[in-house]
Amino acid sequence: MQFEVTAYNYDEAAQRLHFTASGYRDGMRFTVASHVRCLKDPVTPQNAHLVALVALTEIFKRPSASGR
């Protein structure tokens, strides 16, 4: 999976990182907008990328509507 975090914002009051990521997985292009609970502000783009990687890995583990 190759992806780039195109935007992110940390909501300190709710302790949530909101992010948008686009990339390729299994030859298919994807764009995801999601949020994840994060106890600390990720501060650097590299840390935001790692948080998004964990979130995307969990998202792609779920079965899709087509059953794949």
PDB file of N, CA and C in Angstrom:
ATOM      1  N   MET A   1       0.856  -1.172   0.000  1.00  0.00           N
ATOM      2  CA  MET A   1       0.000   0.000   0.000  1.00  0.00           C
ATOM      3  C   MET A   1       0.898   1.230   0.000  1.00  0.00           C
ATOM      4  N   GLN A   2       0.626   2.117  -0.937  1.00  0.00           N
ATOM      5  CA  GLN A   2       1.322   3.398  -1.002  1.00  0.00           C
ATOM      6  C   GLN A   2       0.276   4.486  -0.820  1.00  0.00           C
ATOM      7  N   PHE A   3       0.549   5.428   0.062  1.00  0.00           N
ATOM      8  CA  PHE A   3      -0.409   6.503   0.275  1.00  0.00           C
ATOM      9  C   PHE A   3       0.279   7.758   0.772  1.00  0.00           C
ATOM     10  N   GLU A   4      -0.446   8.843   0.685  1.00  0.00           N
ATOM     11  CA  GLU A   4       0.030  10.139   1.145  1.00  0.00           C
ATOM     12  C   GLU A   4      -1.085  10.773   1.965  1.00  0.00           C
ATOM     13  N   VAL A   5      -0.737  11.292   3.123  1.00  0.00           N
ATOM     14  CA  VAL A   5      -1.701  12.030   3.932  1.00  0.00           C
ATOM     15  C   VAL A   5      -1.800  13.422   3.316  1.00  0.00           C
ATOM     16  N   THR A   6      -2.967  13.731   2.761  1.00  0.00           N
ATOM     17  CA  THR A   6      -3.111  15.001   2.048  1.00  0.00           C
ATOM     18  C   THR A   6      -3.492  16.141   2.976  1.00  0.00           C
ATOM     19  N   ALA A   7      -4.152  15.829   4.096  1.00  0.00           N
ATOM     20  CA  ALA A   7      -4.516  16.858   5.075  1.00  0.00           C
ATOM     21  C   ALA A   7      -4.755  16.198   6.426  1.00  0.00           C
ATOM     22  N   TYR A   8      -4.419  16.909   7.492  1.00  0.00           N
ATOM     23  CA  TYR A   8      -4.741  16.410   8.831  1.00  0.00           C
ATOM     24  C   TYR A   8      -4.899  17.580   9.785  1.00  0.00           C
ATOM     25  N   ASN A   9      -5.706  17.334  10.819  1.00  0.00           N
ATOM     26  CA  ASN A   9      -5.967  18.346  11.825  1.00  0.00           C
ATOM     27  C   ASN A   9      -6.221  17.635  13.150  1.00  0.00           C
ATOM     28  N   TYR A  10      -5.567  18.089  14.209  1.00  0.00           N
ATOM     29  CA  TYR A  10      -5.747  17.480  15.524  1.00  0.00           C
ATOM     30  C   TYR A  10      -6.707  18.327  16.346  1.00  0.00           C
ATOM     31  N   ASP A  11      -7.764  17.708  16.847  1.00  0.00           N
ATOM     32  CA  ASP A  11      -8.739  18.365  17.726  1.00  0.00           C
ATOM     33  C   ASP A  11      -8.370  18.008  19.164  1.00  0.00           C
ATOM     34  N   GLU A  12      -7.738  18.954  19.859  1.00  0.00           N
ATOM     35  CA  GLU A  12      -7.225  18.691  21.197  1.00  0.00           C
ATOM     36  C   GLU A  12      -8.340  18.403  22.194  1.00  0.00           C
ATOM     37  N   ALA A  13      -9.454  19.104  22.086  1.00  0.00           N
ATOM     38  CA  ALA A  13     -10.562  18.914  23.022  1.00  0.00           C
ATOM     39  C   ALA A  13     -11.145  17.502  22.911  1.00  0.00           C
ATOM     40  N   ALA A  14     -11.279  17.003  21.704  1.00  0.00           N
ATOM     41  CA  ALA A  14     -11.854  15.667  21.484  1.00  0.00           C
ATOM     42  C   ALA A  14     -10.786  14.577  21.411  1.00  0.00           C
ATOM     43  N   GLN A  15      -9.522  14.971  21.414  1.00  0.00           N
ATOM     44  CA  GLN A  15      -8.383  14.060  21.278  1.00  0.00           C
ATOM     45  C   GLN A  15      -8.537  13.183  20.032  1.00  0.00           C
ATOM     46  N   ARG A  16      -8.829  13.830  18.898  1.00  0.00           N
ATOM     47  CA  ARG A  16      -9.014  13.110  17.637  1.00  0.00           C
ATOM     48  C   ARG A  16      -8.158  13.742  16.546  1.00  0.00           C
ATOM     49  N   LEU A  17      -7.564  12.877  15.748  1.00  0.00           N
ATOM     50  CA  LEU A  17      -6.827  13.309  14.566  1.00  0.00           C
ATOM     51  C   LEU A  17      -7.730  13.038  13.369  1.00  0.00           C
ATOM     52  N   HIS A  18      -8.111  14.084  12.670  1.00  0.00           N
ATOM     53  CA  HIS A  18      -8.903  13.974  11.450  1.00  0.00           C
ATOM     54  C   HIS A  18      -7.910  14.025  10.290  1.00  0.00           C
ATOM     55  N   PHE A  19      -8.027  13.084   9.362  1.00  0.00           N
ATOM     56  CA  PHE A  19      -7.075  13.057   8.254  1.00  0.00           C
ATOM     57  C   PHE A  19      -7.754  12.628   6.957  1.00  0.00           C
ATOM     58  N   THR A  20      -7.121  13.009   5.861  1.00  0.00           N
ATOM     59  CA  THR A  20      -7.499  12.574   4.528  1.00  0.00           C
ATOM     60  C   THR A  20      -6.248  11.987   3.893  1.00  0.00           C
ATOM     61  N   ALA A  21      -6.399  10.806   3.295  1.00  0.00           N
ATOM     62  CA  ALA A  21      -5.266  10.132   2.667  1.00  0.00           C
ATOM     63  C   ALA A  21      -5.694   9.597   1.304  1.00  0.00           C
ATOM     64  N   SER A  22      -4.767   9.632   0.351  1.00  0.00           N
ATOM     65  CA  SER A  22      -4.994   9.080  -0.989  1.00  0.00           C
ATOM     66  C   SER A  22      -3.805   8.219  -1.355  1.00  0.00           C
ATOM     67  N   GLY A  23      -4.075   7.175  -2.133  1.00  0.00           N
ATOM     68  CA  GLY A  23      -2.983   6.319  -2.553  1.00  0.00           C
ATOM     69  C   GLY A  23      -3.460   5.146  -3.364  1.00  0.00           C
ATOM     70  N   TYR A  24      -2.615   4.099  -3.410  1.00  0.00           N
ATOM     71  CA  TYR A  24      -2.898   2.889  -4.181  1.00  0.00           C
ATOM     72  C   TYR A  24      -2.756   1.667  -3.287  1.00  0.00           C
ATOM     73  N   ARG A  25      -3.682   0.732  -3.477  1.00  0.00           N
ATOM     74  CA  ARG A  25      -3.617  -0.555  -2.781  1.00  0.00           C
ATOM     75  C   ARG A  25      -4.120  -1.615  -3.738  1.00  0.00           C
ATOM     76  N   ASP A  26      -3.325  -2.635  -3.955  1.00  0.00           N
ATOM     77  CA  ASP A  26      -3.673  -3.729  -4.877  1.00  0.00           C
ATOM     78  C   ASP A  26      -4.075  -3.204  -6.249  1.00  0.00           C
ATOM     79  N   GLY A  27      -3.372  -2.185  -6.731  1.00  0.00           N
ATOM     80  CA  GLY A  27      -3.626  -1.634  -8.053  1.00  0.00           C
ATOM     81  C   GLY A  27      -4.834  -0.713  -8.150  1.00  0.00           C
ATOM     82  N   MET A  28      -5.500  -0.462  -7.042  1.00  0.00           N
ATOM     83  CA  MET A  28      -6.691   0.397  -7.028  1.00  0.00           C
ATOM     84  C   MET A  28      -6.378   1.696  -6.293  1.00  0.00           C
ATOM     85  N   ARG A  29      -6.873   2.793  -6.837  1.00  0.00           N
ATOM     86  CA  ARG A  29      -6.692   4.088  -6.190  1.00  0.00           C
ATOM     87  C   ARG A  29      -7.764   4.270  -5.124  1.00  0.00           C
ATOM     88  N   PHE A  30      -7.385   4.839  -3.975  1.00  0.00           N
ATOM     89  CA  PHE A  30      -8.345   5.096  -2.913  1.00  0.00           C
ATOM     90  C   PHE A  30      -8.141   6.475  -2.320  1.00  0.00           C
ATOM     91  N   THR A  31      -9.197   7.007  -1.765  1.00  0.00           N
ATOM     92  CA  THR A  31      -9.162   8.234  -0.978  1.00  0.00           C
ATOM     93  C   THR A  31     -10.010   7.980   0.263  1.00  0.00           C
ATOM     94  N   VAL A  32      -9.446   8.254   1.421  1.00  0.00           N
ATOM     95  CA  VAL A  32     -10.126   8.006   2.690  1.00  0.00           C
ATOM     96  C   VAL A  32     -10.099   9.271   3.518  1.00  0.00           C
ATOM     97  N   ALA A  33     -11.238   9.616   4.089  1.00  0.00           N
ATOM     98  CA  ALA A  33     -11.323  10.689   5.084  1.00  0.00           C
ATOM     99  C   ALA A  33     -11.826  10.031   6.357  1.00  0.00           C
ATOM    100  N   SER A  34     -11.059  10.141   7.422  1.00  0.00           N
ATOM    101  CA  SER A  34     -11.412   9.447   8.649  1.00  0.00           C
ATOM    102  C   SER A  34     -10.870  10.204   9.854  1.00  0.00           C
ATOM    103  N   HIS A  35     -11.157   9.674  11.023  1.00  0.00           N
ATOM    104  CA  HIS A  35     -10.591  10.232  12.250  1.00  0.00           C
ATOM    105  C   HIS A  35     -10.249   9.086  13.184  1.00  0.00           C
ATOM    106  N   VAL A  36      -9.303   9.330  14.055  1.00  0.00           N
ATOM    107  CA  VAL A  36      -8.851   8.314  14.993  1.00  0.00           C
ATOM    108  C   VAL A  36      -8.552   8.998  16.323  1.00  0.00           C
ATOM    109  N   ARG A  37      -8.837   8.301  17.406  1.00  0.00           N
ATOM    110  CA  ARG A  37      -8.529   8.848  18.729  1.00  0.00           C
ATOM    111  C   ARG A  37      -7.017   8.837  18.917  1.00  0.00           C
ATOM    112  N   CYS A  38      -6.511   9.950  19.366  1.00  0.00           N
ATOM    113  CA  CYS A  38      -5.066  10.136  19.496  1.00  0.00           C
ATOM    114  C   CYS A  38      -4.841  10.941  20.774  1.00  0.00           C
ATOM    115  N   LEU A  39      -4.148  10.384  21.756  1.00  0.00           N
ATOM    116  CA  LEU A  39      -4.009  11.052  23.040  1.00  0.00           C
ATOM    117  C   LEU A  39      -3.099  12.276  22.996  1.00  0.00           C
ATOM    118  N   LYS A  40      -2.186  12.297  22.032  1.00  0.00           N
ATOM    119  CA  LYS A  40      -1.273  13.439  21.882  1.00  0.00           C
ATOM    120  C   LYS A  40      -1.321  13.954  20.455  1.00  0.00           C
ATOM    121  N   ASP A  41      -1.052  15.233  20.304  1.00  0.00           N
ATOM    122  CA  ASP A  41      -0.929  15.833  18.972  1.00  0.00           C
ATOM    123  C   ASP A  41       0.270  15.184  18.274  1.00  0.00           C
ATOM    124  N   PRO A  42       0.094  14.672  17.050  1.00  0.00           N
ATOM    125  CA  PRO A  42       1.213  14.022  16.376  1.00  0.00           C
ATOM    126  C   PRO A  42       2.362  14.956  16.011  1.00  0.00           C
ATOM    127  N   VAL A  43       2.177  16.248  16.068  1.00  0.00           N
ATOM    128  CA  VAL A  43       3.185  17.298  15.881  1.00  0.00           C
ATOM    129  C   VAL A  43       3.805  17.306  14.481  1.00  0.00           C
ATOM    130  N   THR A  44       4.481  16.240  14.079  1.00  0.00           N
ATOM    131  CA  THR A  44       5.183  16.239  12.787  1.00  0.00           C
ATOM    132  C   THR A  44       4.359  15.505  11.721  1.00  0.00           C
ATOM    133  N   PRO A  45       4.576  15.839  10.453  1.00  0.00           N
ATOM    134  CA  PRO A  45       3.895  15.113   9.373  1.00  0.00           C
ATOM    135  C   PRO A  45       4.228  13.612   9.370  1.00  0.00           C
ATOM    136  N   GLN A  46       5.439  13.251   9.794  1.00  0.00           N
ATOM    137  CA  GLN A  46       5.824  11.844   9.841  1.00  0.00           C
ATOM    138  C   GLN A  46       4.979  11.086  10.859  1.00  0.00           C
ATOM    139  N   ASN A  47       4.731  11.705  12.020  1.00  0.00           N
ATOM    140  CA  ASN A  47       3.904  11.057  13.031  1.00  0.00           C
ATOM    141  C   ASN A  47       2.450  10.946  12.567  1.00  0.00           C
ATOM    142  N   ALA A  48       1.940  11.956  11.890  1.00  0.00           N
ATOM    143  CA  ALA A  48       0.581  11.904  11.345  1.00  0.00           C
ATOM    144  C   ALA A  48       0.482  10.783  10.314  1.00  0.00           C
ATOM    145  N   HIS A  49       1.533  10.601   9.513  1.00  0.00           N
ATOM    146  CA  HIS A  49       1.573   9.530   8.516  1.00  0.00           C
ATOM    147  C   HIS A  49       1.507   8.159   9.200  1.00  0.00           C
ATOM    148  N   LEU A  50       2.233   7.991  10.293  1.00  0.00           N
ATOM    149  CA  LEU A  50       2.224   6.719  11.014  1.00  0.00           C
ATOM    150  C   LEU A  50       0.857   6.430  11.621  1.00  0.00           C
ATOM    151  N   VAL A  51       0.220   7.448  12.185  1.00  0.00           N
ATOM    152  CA  VAL A  51      -1.122   7.279  12.747  1.00  0.00           C
ATOM    153  C   VAL A  51      -2.094   6.887  11.638  1.00  0.00           C
ATOM    154  N   ALA A  52      -1.998   7.547  10.490  1.00  0.00           N
ATOM    155  CA  ALA A  52      -2.866   7.227   9.357  1.00  0.00           C
ATOM    156  C   ALA A  52      -2.590   5.813   8.850  1.00  0.00           C
ATOM    157  N   LEU A  53      -1.332   5.378   8.853  1.00  0.00           N
ATOM    158  CA  LEU A  53      -0.987   4.024   8.419  1.00  0.00           C
ATOM    159  C   LEU A  53      -1.690   2.984   9.281  1.00  0.00           C
ATOM    160  N   VAL A  54      -1.661   3.171  10.583  1.00  0.00           N
ATOM    161  CA  VAL A  54      -2.326   2.231  11.489  1.00  0.00           C
ATOM    162  C   VAL A  54      -3.834   2.236  11.233  1.00  0.00           C
ATOM    163  N   ALA A  55      -4.417   3.425  11.084  1.00  0.00           N
ATOM    164  CA  ALA A  55      -5.855   3.531  10.840  1.00  0.00           C
ATOM    165  C   ALA A  55      -6.243   2.891   9.509  1.00  0.00           C
ATOM    166  N   LEU A  56      -5.477   3.144   8.460  1.00  0.00           N
ATOM    167  CA  LEU A  56      -5.784   2.571   7.148  1.00  0.00           C
ATOM    168  C   LEU A  56      -5.633   1.048   7.155  1.00  0.00           C
ATOM    169  N   THR A  57      -4.641   0.544   7.863  1.00  0.00           N
ATOM    170  CA  THR A  57      -4.466  -0.904   7.978  1.00  0.00           C
ATOM    171  C   THR A  57      -5.701  -1.531   8.601  1.00  0.00           C
ATOM    172  N   GLU A  58      -6.245  -0.901   9.638  1.00  0.00           N
ATOM    173  CA  GLU A  58      -7.468  -1.404  10.275  1.00  0.00           C
ATOM    174  C   GLU A  58      -8.671  -1.295   9.335  1.00  0.00           C
ATOM    175  N   ILE A  59      -8.760  -0.210   8.613  1.00  0.00           N
ATOM    176  CA  ILE A  59      -9.877  -0.027   7.675  1.00  0.00           C
ATOM    177  C   ILE A  59      -9.851  -1.100   6.595  1.00  0.00           C
ATOM    178  N   PHE A  60      -8.682  -1.390   6.046  1.00  0.00           N
ATOM    179  CA  PHE A  60      -8.588  -2.353   4.950  1.00  0.00           C
ATOM    180  C   PHE A  60      -8.689  -3.804   5.422  1.00  0.00           C
ATOM    181  N   LYS A  61      -8.627  -4.055   6.716  1.00  0.00           N
ATOM    182  CA  LYS A  61      -8.843  -5.408   7.239  1.00  0.00           C
ATOM    183  C   LYS A  61     -10.316  -5.783   7.205  1.00  0.00           C
ATOM    184  N   ARG A  62     -11.192  -4.779   7.226  1.00  0.00           N
ATOM    185  CA  ARG A  62     -12.627  -5.031   7.228  1.00  0.00           C
ATOM    186  C   ARG A  62     -13.060  -5.555   5.864  1.00  0.00           C
ATOM    187  N   PRO A  63     -14.032  -6.471   5.836  1.00  0.00           N
ATOM    188  CA  PRO A  63     -14.527  -6.929   4.532  1.00  0.00           C
ATOM    189  C   PRO A  63     -15.313  -5.811   3.841  1.00  0.00           C
ATOM    190  N   SER A  64     -15.184  -5.748   2.535  1.00  0.00           N
ATOM    191  CA  SER A  64     -15.904  -4.737   1.772  1.00  0.00           C
ATOM    192  C   SER A  64     -17.300  -5.237   1.443  1.00  0.00           C
ATOM    193  N   ALA A  65     -18.093  -4.395   0.870  1.00  0.00           N
ATOM    194  CA  ALA A  65     -19.459  -4.763   0.495  1.00  0.00           C
ATOM    195  C   ALA A  65     -19.462  -5.888  -0.531  1.00  0.00           C
ATOM    196  N   SER A  66     -18.411  -5.975  -1.344  1.00  0.00           N
ATOM    197  CA  SER A  66     -18.338  -7.033  -2.361  1.00  0.00           C
ATOM    198  C   SER A  66     -17.851  -8.349  -1.759  1.00  0.00           C
ATOM    199  N   GLY A  67     -17.426  -8.319  -0.499  1.00  0.00           N
ATOM    200  CA  GLY A  67     -16.947  -9.541   0.153  1.00  0.00           C
ATOM    201  C   GLY A  67     -15.481  -9.810  -0.031  1.00  0.00           C
ATOM    202  N   ARG A  68     -14.747  -8.872  -0.624  1.00  0.00           N
ATOM    203  CA  ARG A  68     -13.304  -9.054  -0.819  1.00  0.00           C
ATOM    204  C   ARG A  68     -12.519  -8.332   0.237  1.00  0.00           C
TER     205      ARG A  68
END
